[in-house]
Every structure is written in structure tokens, then in C-alpha cells.
Protein backbone atom coordinates (compact mmCIF):
# COMPACT_ATOMS: atom_id res chain seq x y z
CA MET A 1 7.75 8.42 -23.41
CA SER A 2 6.77 6.15 -20.51
CA LYS A 3 3.87 3.76 -20.80
CA LYS A 4 0.75 4.14 -18.67
CA ILE A 5 0.80 2.11 -15.46
CA LYS A 6 -2.09 -0.34 -15.86
CA LYS A 7 -1.21 -3.10 -13.39
CA ALA A 8 -0.98 -3.10 -9.60
CA VAL A 9 0.07 -5.74 -7.09
CA ILE A 10 -1.42 -5.50 -3.60
CA LEU A 11 0.56 -7.29 -0.88
CA ALA A 12 -1.97 -8.85 1.49
CA ALA A 13 -0.32 -12.10 2.58
CA GLY A 14 1.10 -10.94 5.91
CA LEU A 15 -0.03 -12.62 9.12
CA GLY A 16 -0.69 -9.34 10.91
CA THR A 17 1.04 -10.36 14.14
CA ARG A 18 0.92 -6.77 15.44
CA MET A 19 -2.87 -7.04 15.34
CA LEU A 20 -3.18 -10.23 17.39
CA PRO A 21 -5.39 -11.61 18.77
CA ILE A 22 -8.01 -10.31 16.27
CA ALA A 23 -5.75 -11.10 13.28
CA LYS A 24 -6.09 -14.80 14.12
CA ALA A 25 -9.79 -14.62 13.19
CA VAL A 26 -10.02 -11.65 10.80
CA ALA A 27 -7.53 -10.79 8.05
CA LYS A 28 -6.07 -7.37 8.92
CA GLU A 29 -6.94 -6.19 5.41
CA MET A 30 -10.60 -6.79 6.29
CA LEU A 31 -10.51 -4.67 9.43
CA PRO A 32 -12.82 -1.70 8.90
CA ILE A 33 -12.23 1.99 8.55
CA VAL A 34 -15.73 3.11 9.54
CA ASP A 35 -17.85 0.99 7.18
CA LYS A 36 -15.39 -0.29 4.56
CA PRO A 37 -12.57 -2.81 4.98
CA ALA A 38 -9.00 -1.58 4.58
CA ILE A 39 -8.56 -3.55 1.34
CA TYR A 40 -11.36 -1.53 -0.27
CA TYR A 41 -9.33 1.68 0.07
CA LEU A 42 -6.31 0.05 -1.58
CA VAL A 43 -8.33 -1.16 -4.57
CA GLU A 44 -10.16 2.15 -4.82
CA GLU A 45 -6.86 4.05 -4.91
CA ALA A 46 -5.57 1.82 -7.70
CA VAL A 47 -8.75 2.24 -9.74
CA LYS A 48 -8.76 6.03 -9.30
CA SER A 49 -5.14 6.03 -10.49
CA GLY A 50 -6.10 4.40 -13.78
CA ILE A 51 -5.08 0.85 -12.89
CA GLU A 52 -7.00 -1.70 -14.97
CA GLU A 53 -5.74 -5.03 -13.57
CA ILE A 54 -5.03 -5.82 -9.93
CA LEU A 55 -3.32 -8.87 -8.44
CA ILE A 56 -3.82 -9.39 -4.72
CA ILE A 57 -1.22 -11.62 -3.05
CA THR A 58 -2.97 -13.49 -0.22
CA ASN A 59 -2.51 -16.57 1.94
CA ARG A 60 -4.75 -19.49 2.81
CA ASP A 61 -6.62 -17.62 5.56
CA LYS A 62 -7.79 -14.67 3.48
CA GLN A 63 -10.73 -15.94 1.45
CA ALA A 64 -12.81 -13.09 2.90
CA ILE A 65 -10.94 -10.67 0.62
CA GLU A 66 -12.05 -12.56 -2.48
CA ASN A 67 -15.60 -12.80 -1.18
CA TYR A 68 -15.79 -9.06 -0.56
CA PHE A 69 -15.13 -8.21 -4.21
CA ASP A 70 -17.51 -10.88 -5.50
CA TYR A 71 -21.27 -10.78 -6.01
CA SER A 72 -23.45 -11.79 -3.06
CA PRO A 73 -26.78 -13.31 -4.19
CA GLU A 74 -28.01 -13.34 -0.57
CA TYR A 75 -27.43 -9.63 -0.01
CA ASN A 76 -28.72 -8.78 -3.47
CA LEU A 77 -31.98 -10.62 -2.83
CA ALA A 78 -32.41 -9.12 0.65
CA LEU A 79 -31.82 -5.58 -0.62
CA GLU A 80 -34.12 -6.08 -3.61
CA ASN A 81 -36.88 -7.28 -1.27
CA LYS A 82 -36.36 -4.15 0.88
CA GLY A 83 -36.30 -1.91 -2.16
CA ASP A 84 -32.91 -0.55 -1.03
CA GLU A 85 -31.55 0.41 -4.45
CA LYS A 86 -28.83 2.63 -2.99
CA SER A 87 -27.18 -0.20 -1.03
CA LEU A 88 -27.71 -2.60 -3.92
CA GLU A 89 -25.94 -0.27 -6.33
CA MET A 90 -23.08 0.19 -3.84
CA LEU A 91 -22.48 -3.58 -3.64
CA ARG A 92 -22.64 -3.91 -7.43
CA ASN A 93 -20.06 -1.15 -7.81
CA ILE A 94 -17.71 -2.89 -5.37
CA ALA A 95 -17.94 -6.14 -7.34
CA ASN A 96 -17.24 -4.30 -10.61
CA MET A 97 -14.42 -2.00 -9.47
CA ALA A 98 -11.68 -3.67 -11.52
CA ASP A 99 -10.38 -6.94 -12.92
CA ILE A 100 -9.01 -8.49 -9.74
CA TYR A 101 -6.92 -11.65 -9.62
CA TYR A 102 -5.54 -13.58 -6.67
CA ILE A 103 -2.52 -15.73 -5.96
CA ARG A 104 -1.24 -17.13 -2.68
CA GLN A 105 2.15 -16.66 -1.12
CA LYS A 106 2.47 -20.21 0.14
CA GLU A 107 5.40 -19.42 2.44
CA THR A 108 5.82 -16.28 4.55
CA ARG A 109 9.21 -15.34 3.13
CA GLY A 110 8.89 -11.57 2.97
CA MET A 111 7.52 -8.85 0.71
CA GLY A 112 10.20 -9.40 -1.90
CA HIS A 113 9.19 -13.04 -2.22
CA ALA A 114 5.53 -11.98 -2.49
CA VAL A 115 6.31 -9.54 -5.32
CA LEU A 116 8.25 -12.28 -7.11
CA ARG A 117 5.04 -14.33 -7.12
CA ALA A 118 3.56 -11.64 -9.38
CA ARG A 119 6.09 -12.07 -12.19
CA ALA A 120 3.79 -13.93 -14.58
CA PHE A 121 1.00 -11.40 -13.97
CA VAL A 122 3.27 -8.42 -14.58
CA GLY A 123 5.09 -9.78 -17.63
CA HIS A 124 7.12 -7.02 -19.26
CA ASP A 125 5.01 -4.16 -17.91
CA ASP A 126 5.99 -1.57 -15.36
CA PHE A 127 3.68 -1.90 -12.35
CA ALA A 128 2.59 -0.46 -9.01
CA VAL A 129 3.06 -2.18 -5.68
CA ILE A 130 0.68 -1.33 -2.83
CA TYR A 131 1.57 -2.47 0.68
CA GLY A 132 -1.41 -4.02 2.46
CA ASP A 133 -0.83 -2.27 5.81
CA ASP A 134 -0.69 1.25 4.42
CA ILE A 135 -3.94 3.06 3.66
CA ILE A 136 -3.33 6.46 2.06
CA ILE A 137 -6.34 8.75 1.72
CA GLY A 138 -6.14 12.14 0.04
CA ASP A 139 -7.52 14.38 -2.67
CA VAL A 140 -5.09 12.85 -5.18
CA PRO A 141 -4.46 9.07 -5.08
CA ALA A 142 -0.87 8.28 -4.05
CA ILE A 143 -0.29 5.91 -6.98
CA SER A 144 -1.44 8.65 -9.34
CA GLU A 145 1.15 11.01 -7.85
CA LEU A 146 3.89 8.39 -8.27
CA ALA A 147 2.73 7.69 -11.82
CA GLN A 148 3.29 11.33 -12.73
CA VAL A 149 6.92 11.09 -11.57
CA TYR A 150 7.25 7.82 -13.49
CA ASN A 151 5.97 9.63 -16.59
CA ASN A 152 8.59 12.35 -16.06
CA HIS A 153 11.57 10.02 -15.81
CA GLY A 154 10.57 6.49 -16.88
CA LEU A 155 12.20 5.09 -13.72
CA SER A 156 11.03 3.18 -10.66
CA VAL A 157 9.41 5.46 -8.06
CA ALA A 158 9.14 5.14 -4.28
CA GLY A 159 6.37 6.87 -2.38
CA VAL A 160 7.98 8.58 0.61
CA LYS A 161 7.36 10.75 3.63
CA GLN A 162 9.66 12.39 6.13
CA VAL A 163 9.89 10.26 9.28
CA ALA A 164 11.10 11.29 12.71
CA ARG A 165 14.71 10.22 13.11
CA GLY A 166 13.89 7.99 16.06
CA ASP A 167 11.29 6.13 14.00
CA LEU A 168 13.50 5.38 11.01
CA LYS A 169 14.63 2.11 12.60
CA LYS A 170 11.09 0.83 11.92
CA TYR A 171 11.19 1.83 8.26
CA CYS A 172 14.07 2.65 5.92
CA SER A 173 16.29 5.59 5.08
CA LEU A 174 16.90 6.80 1.53
CA LYS A 175 19.92 8.53 0.05
CA VAL A 176 18.28 11.18 -2.11
CA GLU A 177 19.01 14.27 -4.17
CA PRO A 178 16.19 16.64 -5.20
CA THR A 179 15.17 16.96 -8.84
CA SER A 180 13.98 20.26 -10.28
CA ASN A 181 10.40 19.40 -9.24
CA PRO A 182 9.15 20.02 -5.66
CA GLY A 183 8.80 16.91 -3.51
CA GLU A 184 10.62 14.77 -6.06
CA PHE A 185 14.03 13.10 -5.70
CA TYR A 186 16.56 10.83 -7.32
CA VAL A 187 17.37 7.81 -5.13
CA TYR A 188 20.90 6.40 -5.01
CA ASP A 189 20.87 4.12 -1.96
CA MET A 190 18.75 3.01 0.99
CA ASN A 191 19.00 1.09 4.26
CA GLU A 192 16.18 -1.01 5.66
CA LYS A 193 15.56 -0.46 9.40
CA PRO A 194 18.80 1.45 10.13
CA GLN A 195 19.94 0.78 13.70
CA SER A 196 22.58 3.49 14.05
CA ASP A 197 23.10 7.09 12.92
CA SER A 198 25.82 5.93 10.53
CA GLU A 199 23.24 3.88 8.61
CA ILE A 200 20.82 6.81 8.18
CA PHE A 201 21.03 8.61 4.83
CA SER A 202 18.06 10.98 5.30
CA ASP A 203 14.73 11.18 7.10
CA TYR A 204 12.86 10.13 3.94
CA ALA A 205 11.41 6.61 4.13
CA ILE A 206 9.33 4.46 1.78
CA LEU A 207 5.79 4.22 3.15
CA GLY A 208 3.61 1.78 1.33
CA ARG A 209 3.78 2.62 -2.39
CA VAL A 210 6.24 1.99 -5.21
CA ILE A 211 6.18 1.79 -8.98
CA LEU A 212 8.69 -0.72 -10.32
CA THR A 213 10.11 -1.78 -13.65
CA PRO A 214 10.32 -5.52 -14.45
CA GLU A 215 14.10 -5.57 -13.92
CA ILE A 216 13.29 -5.88 -10.22
CA PHE A 217 12.37 -9.54 -10.76
CA ASP A 218 15.87 -10.67 -11.74
CA ILE A 219 17.22 -8.85 -8.70
CA LEU A 220 14.62 -10.51 -6.43
CA GLU A 221 15.43 -13.96 -7.77
CA ASN A 222 19.06 -13.52 -6.74
CA GLN A 223 18.37 -11.61 -3.52
CA ALA A 224 19.84 -13.17 -0.37
CA PRO A 225 17.55 -13.28 2.66
CA GLY A 226 17.77 -10.18 4.84
CA ILE A 227 16.13 -9.15 8.11
CA ASN A 228 14.24 -12.06 9.75
CA GLY A 229 15.59 -14.40 7.08
CA GLU A 230 13.09 -13.00 4.56
CA ILE A 231 13.48 -11.76 1.00
CA GLN A 232 13.14 -8.03 1.55
CA LEU A 233 11.76 -5.89 -1.25
CA THR A 234 13.75 -2.95 0.12
CA ASP A 235 17.00 -4.89 -0.31
CA SER A 236 16.25 -5.44 -4.00
CA MET A 237 15.27 -1.80 -4.49
CA LYS A 238 18.55 -0.91 -2.81
CA THR A 239 20.40 -3.02 -5.40
CA LEU A 240 18.41 -1.30 -8.16
CA ALA A 241 19.16 2.19 -6.81
CA ARG A 242 22.86 1.41 -6.36
CA SER A 243 23.12 0.22 -9.97
CA GLY A 244 22.56 3.80 -11.10
CA SER A 245 24.88 6.78 -10.96
CA ILE A 246 24.70 10.53 -10.45
CA ASN A 247 24.42 11.02 -14.21
CA LYS A 248 22.15 8.04 -14.77
CA PRO A 249 19.95 7.27 -11.74
CA LYS A 250 17.79 4.14 -11.70
CA MET A 251 15.20 5.18 -9.13
CA THR A 252 13.23 8.22 -8.02
CA ALA A 253 11.02 9.16 -5.07
CA LYS A 254 7.92 11.26 -4.55
CA VAL A 255 6.52 12.74 -1.34
CA PHE A 256 2.84 11.77 -1.58
CA SER A 257 0.26 14.21 -0.24
CA GLY A 258 -2.33 11.90 1.33
CA GLU A 259 -2.87 10.91 4.95
CA ARG A 260 -1.25 7.54 5.72
CA HIS A 261 -2.86 5.11 8.14
CA ASP A 262 -0.85 2.14 9.45
CA MET A 263 -3.52 -0.53 9.60
CA GLY A 264 -0.99 -3.08 10.80
CA SER A 265 -0.90 -1.53 14.28
CA LYS A 266 -3.57 -1.18 16.93
CA PHE A 267 -3.04 2.56 17.34
CA GLY A 268 -3.00 3.05 13.55
CA PHE A 269 -6.32 1.21 13.30
CA LEU A 270 -7.92 3.37 15.99
CA ARG A 271 -6.44 6.57 14.58
CA ALA A 272 -7.75 5.77 11.08
CA ASN A 273 -11.26 5.23 12.35
CA ILE A 274 -11.29 8.47 14.31
CA ILE A 275 -9.88 10.59 11.47
CA GLU A 276 -12.06 9.06 8.77
CA GLY A 277 -15.07 8.80 11.11
CA LEU A 278 -14.93 12.58 11.52
CA LYS A 279 -15.34 12.88 7.74
CA HIS A 280 -18.12 10.34 7.28
CA PRO A 281 -21.58 11.91 6.87
CA GLU A 282 -23.25 9.35 9.14
CA THR A 283 -20.73 9.51 11.97
CA SER A 284 -19.03 12.92 11.87
CA GLU A 285 -21.35 14.83 14.20
CA PRO A 286 -21.99 12.17 16.89
CA LEU A 287 -18.29 11.21 16.89
CA ARG A 288 -17.22 14.85 17.24
CA GLU A 289 -19.57 15.32 20.22
CA PHE A 290 -18.39 12.05 21.78
CA LEU A 291 -14.73 13.05 21.46
CA LYS A 292 -15.43 16.40 23.11
CA GLU A 293 -16.98 14.58 26.08
CA ILE A 294 -14.10 12.10 26.32
CA VAL A 295 -11.44 14.82 26.15
CA GLN A 296 -13.02 16.58 29.13
CA GLU A 297 -12.76 13.37 31.16
CA ILE A 298 -9.12 12.60 30.34
């Protein structure tokens, strides 16, 4: 029987070049979706999935992330003086969401290199990896859905969605075979950013969530640099998947149900705020009326 997934690693060390020029002043993980920064949704998903310890991989320009999940005496005092217990309780809850630790990726050498920085934190435990650009919001947390597949098979799990064939060159393509459970697959191979039809296995791509076993660390340590001269996590997962066989696979995949927002792109940022703004009790009605007016003018 598989052990419960209790640890998560959030990858938040990227420079966010697609979000320049704002990314030069504000960490992309701190860009808001309505009234909460993107990083909040990642931590919340982990906590709702039963994660007890979270390691956030950052870089030297992302102190704002640490500050957000810390206590703020100034805000606490101001809210106490106003008698705003609701806001005060909200800030306390944010500071107490989980045991959160931080470590820096001192060189921008890719997601695989960032995950390798988490080796001491992970130890011998199986763990979740949450990509910092990908916010997934749904009735069931994505990591929780992956954890169920992990419990079924005891193998690494990739969170996937079907991607339009023309967009696969921005993501990856997985060689999969369905299990007996709907939306669940065995994974035997994958290609990162396939550039030709011959490199495409399927239209299923990893989008922002994986659960990994500690054997990934030995693979990462010996992984040659890939695209952009970086240590690619996908390349190491490819090695892991290829080490299995039809009778003994080493990796699985799960189609998660939530809505994915790409917070690493300008359009993804705008799209997230519109979709989630239409759900927010303070903004839903005025935003809906505003959009109706704008649509008539387009």
C-alpha cells in the first residue's frame, strides 16, 4: 500500500521573462488573481490535498513570497484598531496554512535542477511537484486527484490534459496506454517540446503537476542539459518512464479536472482574472455587466 503524500515542492524560481516588464519588479508568483497572489492558490491546493510540509524554491528577488506567508504586525495592528476581525482572521489563516520552507535556486539551470535542490527536504519520501506558472482551480484539488492514482499504483504520476496538436511544441507529448480507470494512463515515453509530427506520441501533455518517487533524484544528478542548456525535469521523467516496460510500467498519468491558468503569460494572467473575477462575490456582478458593455463595442 502506498504511503500518503505529505510533502510538496513548489517551483517558483523562474525569472518570468514572458511577463516582462512587470516581472522585473514583481515576482510572477505574486501577480494577483482578483485579490490573492498566484502563489496562494498553489499553497492552498497543496493544503487541501493533505500536504503537511511545503518547500518553495525561489531566487534572490522573491522575498515577497516569504513575506506573504508570514505574520504582519503592521496589518494586524491596523485591523485590530478598525475592529475588522474578518480581515484579521483571513491574514492569520494565510500565515498558518502549512509548514512552509524556502530554498534558493542560485543558478537558473532549469526545473530539473530546481527539483534537485529539494533532495534533502524530500529525503526518502514520495512527493508532489507544483509548477509555479500553473494555477489549477477546481472542485477537487489537482494534487489530490494525482494522489489517488498514486495510491492505486504506487508509481510516479503526471497531471495531464489534452493539448491541441499545434500547441504541443510548447509543452510535451506522452506515449500513453489507458488503464482500467477513466482518465488514467500508463506512461512509457515522452518528448519535451516536439518540433515535428514524428516526435509526437499523443496529444496528452504534462501541465503543471507531478507526483514523483525519490528515484528521480539519481536520474536528475546524471541528467545531461537539454533544451536551452538547462536540466529539464521532463528529460528525467522520460528516463524514468523508459525504464519501465509494458508489464512493469514506472509512471502513470491522470487527466485532472480543474481549470488551468497559465500565469506565466500575459493572456493567461488576464484570462485567469476574468474567469475567477466572475466567480468572486465582490466582483462577479459588476464585472459581468462591464464585459457585456465591452463585447457590444468590439
